Amino acid sequence: MLESKIRKLIRIVEESNIDELEVTTWGRKIRITRRVNHQNPHSSSHLIVNQPPPADRVATAPSKEEAASVAVEVTKPEEVEGSLTPIKSPMVGTFYRAPAPGAKPYVEAGQIISAGQVVCVVEAMKLMNEIESEVAGRVVKLLVENGKPVEFGQTLFLIEPL
């Protein structure tokens, strides 16, 4: 997607009350998320651009006007319960463990996973969004039942990093 279109999407998020915008077109996925920086009382937005064919995350630098309110970074998951790392829902939606009804779940408790591996799907507004692990490790706990609603930031899995 062209940089000018990405800048327009950033402006839409900044000028609205939405916290997250995800657009998928021609095999490219762009997700713009606004997060509050707890160290600084001003809010900032994080832009994560994901292009599935190369499977690399690419961040786009903001313009000079946007630099004050937009930070570009890939966030790391926070550690909880000692050495366990959570995988959290990036959006409100319905949690699914498998790609289709009756299909084998993406992951099971005790399974070893790699960074970037799809662990579940969250359906939001009739769009199926694959959720990937940001860390390699062992799935210790599944915290959400299949087909149940999830909230933004809700912990879905606990991972023991390797």
Protein backbone atom coordinates (compact mmCIF):
# COMPACT_ATOMS: atom_id res chain seq x y z
CA MET A 1 0.00 0.00 0.00
CA LEU A 2 1.30 3.45 -0.79
CA GLU A 3 2.72 5.59 1.98
CA SER A 4 0.11 8.30 1.32
CA LYS A 5 -2.71 5.81 1.91
CA ILE A 6 -1.08 4.69 5.14
CA ARG A 7 -0.81 8.32 6.26
CA LYS A 8 -4.55 8.78 5.52
CA LEU A 9 -5.35 5.74 7.66
CA ILE A 10 -3.21 7.15 10.50
CA ARG A 11 -5.15 10.43 10.28
CA ILE A 12 -8.46 8.55 10.41
CA VAL A 13 -7.40 6.87 13.66
CA GLU A 14 -6.03 10.10 15.15
CA GLU A 15 -9.16 12.11 14.29
CA SER A 16 -11.65 9.52 15.51
CA ASN A 17 -12.53 7.74 18.73
CA ILE A 18 -11.40 4.34 17.44
CA ASP A 19 -8.40 2.62 19.04
CA GLU A 20 -7.63 0.21 16.22
CA LEU A 21 -8.05 0.03 12.46
CA GLU A 22 -7.14 -2.99 10.35
CA VAL A 23 -7.32 -3.04 6.57
CA THR A 24 -6.56 -6.05 4.36
CA THR A 25 -6.23 -5.57 0.63
CA TRP A 26 -4.47 -7.58 -2.08
CA GLY A 27 -2.70 -9.83 0.42
CA ARG A 28 -1.38 -6.99 2.55
CA LYS A 29 -2.58 -6.30 6.05
CA ILE A 30 -2.20 -2.94 7.79
CA ARG A 31 -3.11 -2.53 11.44
CA ILE A 32 -2.97 0.86 13.15
CA THR A 33 -3.40 0.75 16.92
CA ARG A 34 -3.66 3.66 19.32
CA ARG A 35 -2.24 2.86 22.76
CA VAL A 36 -1.90 5.03 25.84
CA ASN A 37 1.67 5.55 27.04
CA HIS A 38 1.47 5.22 30.85
CA GLN A 39 4.78 7.06 31.37
CA ASN A 40 3.56 10.03 29.37
CA PRO A 41 0.02 11.36 29.89
CA HIS A 42 -0.30 12.03 26.14
CA SER A 43 -1.55 9.14 24.05
CA SER A 44 0.40 7.85 21.11
CA SER A 45 -0.40 5.58 18.20
CA HIS A 46 1.64 2.59 17.10
CA LEU A 47 1.67 1.59 13.45
CA ILE A 48 2.31 -2.02 12.57
CA VAL A 49 2.29 -2.92 8.89
CA ASN A 50 2.22 -6.64 8.16
CA GLN A 51 2.60 -8.00 4.66
CA PRO A 52 1.84 -11.74 4.86
CA PRO A 53 3.62 -13.00 1.71
CA PRO A 54 7.11 -12.12 3.07
CA ALA A 55 5.73 -12.55 6.65
CA ASP A 56 7.90 -9.69 7.92
CA ARG A 57 6.65 -6.76 9.93
CA VAL A 58 7.45 -3.44 8.33
CA ALA A 59 7.07 -0.16 10.18
CA THR A 60 6.57 3.10 8.30
CA ALA A 61 8.06 6.32 9.61
CA PRO A 62 5.58 9.14 10.25
CA SER A 63 5.79 12.54 8.60
CA LYS A 64 7.12 15.52 10.56
CA GLU A 65 3.57 16.63 11.41
CA GLU A 66 2.64 13.16 12.66
CA ALA A 67 5.88 12.55 14.57
CA ALA A 68 4.59 14.36 17.65
CA SER A 69 1.57 12.09 18.05
CA VAL A 70 2.54 8.85 16.30
CA ALA A 71 5.25 6.46 17.45
CA VAL A 72 6.25 3.60 15.18
CA GLU A 73 7.25 0.42 16.96
CA VAL A 74 6.50 -3.25 17.39
CA THR A 75 5.49 -3.85 20.97
CA LYS A 76 6.79 -6.72 23.10
CA PRO A 77 4.41 -8.79 25.21
CA GLU A 78 4.55 -8.18 28.95
CA GLU A 79 5.53 -10.92 31.34
CA VAL A 80 2.99 -12.14 33.88
CA GLU A 81 2.94 -14.84 36.51
CA GLY A 82 6.72 -14.95 36.81
CA SER A 83 8.23 -16.27 33.63
CA LEU A 84 4.99 -16.68 31.62
CA THR A 85 4.30 -14.41 28.66
CA PRO A 86 0.71 -13.66 27.65
CA ILE A 87 -0.68 -13.62 24.13
CA LYS A 88 -3.39 -10.95 24.21
CA SER A 89 -6.26 -10.19 21.90
CA PRO A 90 -5.49 -7.15 19.73
CA MET A 91 -9.21 -6.48 19.22
CA VAL A 92 -12.74 -7.12 20.40
CA GLY A 93 -14.29 -10.12 18.70
CA THR A 94 -15.05 -13.84 18.88
CA PHE A 95 -12.22 -16.26 19.71
CA TYR A 96 -11.75 -19.41 17.63
CA ARG A 97 -9.09 -22.07 18.29
CA ALA A 98 -9.29 -23.53 14.76
CA PRO A 99 -9.48 -22.12 11.21
CA ALA A 100 -12.88 -23.75 10.60
CA PRO A 101 -15.56 -25.67 12.52
CA GLY A 102 -14.41 -29.26 13.01
CA ALA A 103 -10.81 -28.45 12.01
CA LYS A 104 -7.80 -29.23 14.19
CA PRO A 105 -6.99 -26.37 16.66
CA TYR A 106 -3.99 -24.19 15.86
CA VAL A 107 -2.36 -25.00 19.23
CA GLU A 108 -2.89 -27.22 22.27
CA ALA A 109 -1.70 -26.86 25.87
CA GLY A 110 1.84 -28.23 26.18
CA GLN A 111 2.64 -27.62 22.49
CA ILE A 112 5.89 -25.89 21.51
CA ILE A 113 5.30 -22.89 19.24
CA SER A 114 7.56 -20.54 17.32
CA ALA A 115 7.48 -16.76 17.05
CA GLY A 116 5.13 -15.73 14.24
CA GLN A 117 3.09 -18.95 14.42
CA VAL A 118 -0.69 -18.53 14.19
CA VAL A 119 -2.26 -19.56 17.52
CA CYS A 120 -5.93 -18.65 16.99
CA VAL A 121 -8.41 -16.51 15.06
CA VAL A 122 -10.42 -13.55 16.36
CA GLU A 123 -13.47 -12.71 14.26
CA ALA A 124 -14.31 -9.02 14.22
CA MET A 125 -16.98 -7.53 11.97
CA LYS A 126 -17.17 -10.70 9.83
CA LEU A 127 -13.38 -10.63 9.24
CA MET A 128 -11.20 -13.51 10.46
CA ASN A 129 -7.99 -12.13 11.98
CA GLU A 130 -5.17 -14.60 12.56
CA ILE A 131 -3.39 -13.98 15.86
CA GLU A 132 0.33 -14.82 15.88
CA SER A 133 2.65 -15.52 18.80
CA GLU A 134 5.35 -12.92 19.30
CA VAL A 135 7.52 -15.36 21.27
CA ALA A 136 8.74 -18.93 20.88
CA GLY A 137 7.84 -21.21 23.76
CA ARG A 138 5.52 -23.80 25.25
CA VAL A 139 1.77 -23.16 25.52
CA VAL A 140 1.10 -23.44 29.27
CA LYS A 141 -2.54 -22.40 29.45
CA LEU A 142 -5.48 -21.64 27.16
CA LEU A 143 -7.60 -18.99 28.89
CA VAL A 144 -10.58 -18.61 26.52
CA GLU A 145 -13.14 -21.15 25.36
CA ASN A 146 -13.72 -21.65 21.66
CA GLY A 147 -16.50 -19.43 20.28
CA LYS A 148 -16.51 -17.05 23.26
CA PRO A 149 -16.29 -13.25 22.97
CA VAL A 150 -12.99 -11.56 23.86
CA GLU A 151 -12.11 -7.98 24.75
CA PHE A 152 -9.23 -5.82 23.53
CA GLY A 153 -6.14 -6.70 25.57
CA GLN A 154 -7.67 -9.86 27.10
CA THR A 155 -5.09 -12.61 27.67
CA LEU A 156 -5.82 -15.60 25.43
CA PHE A 157 -2.83 -17.86 26.16
CA LEU A 158 0.07 -18.05 28.60
CA ILE A 159 3.41 -19.03 27.06
CA GLU A 160 6.57 -20.23 28.78
CA PRO A 161 9.36 -18.70 26.66
CA LEU A 162 12.16 -21.02 25.51
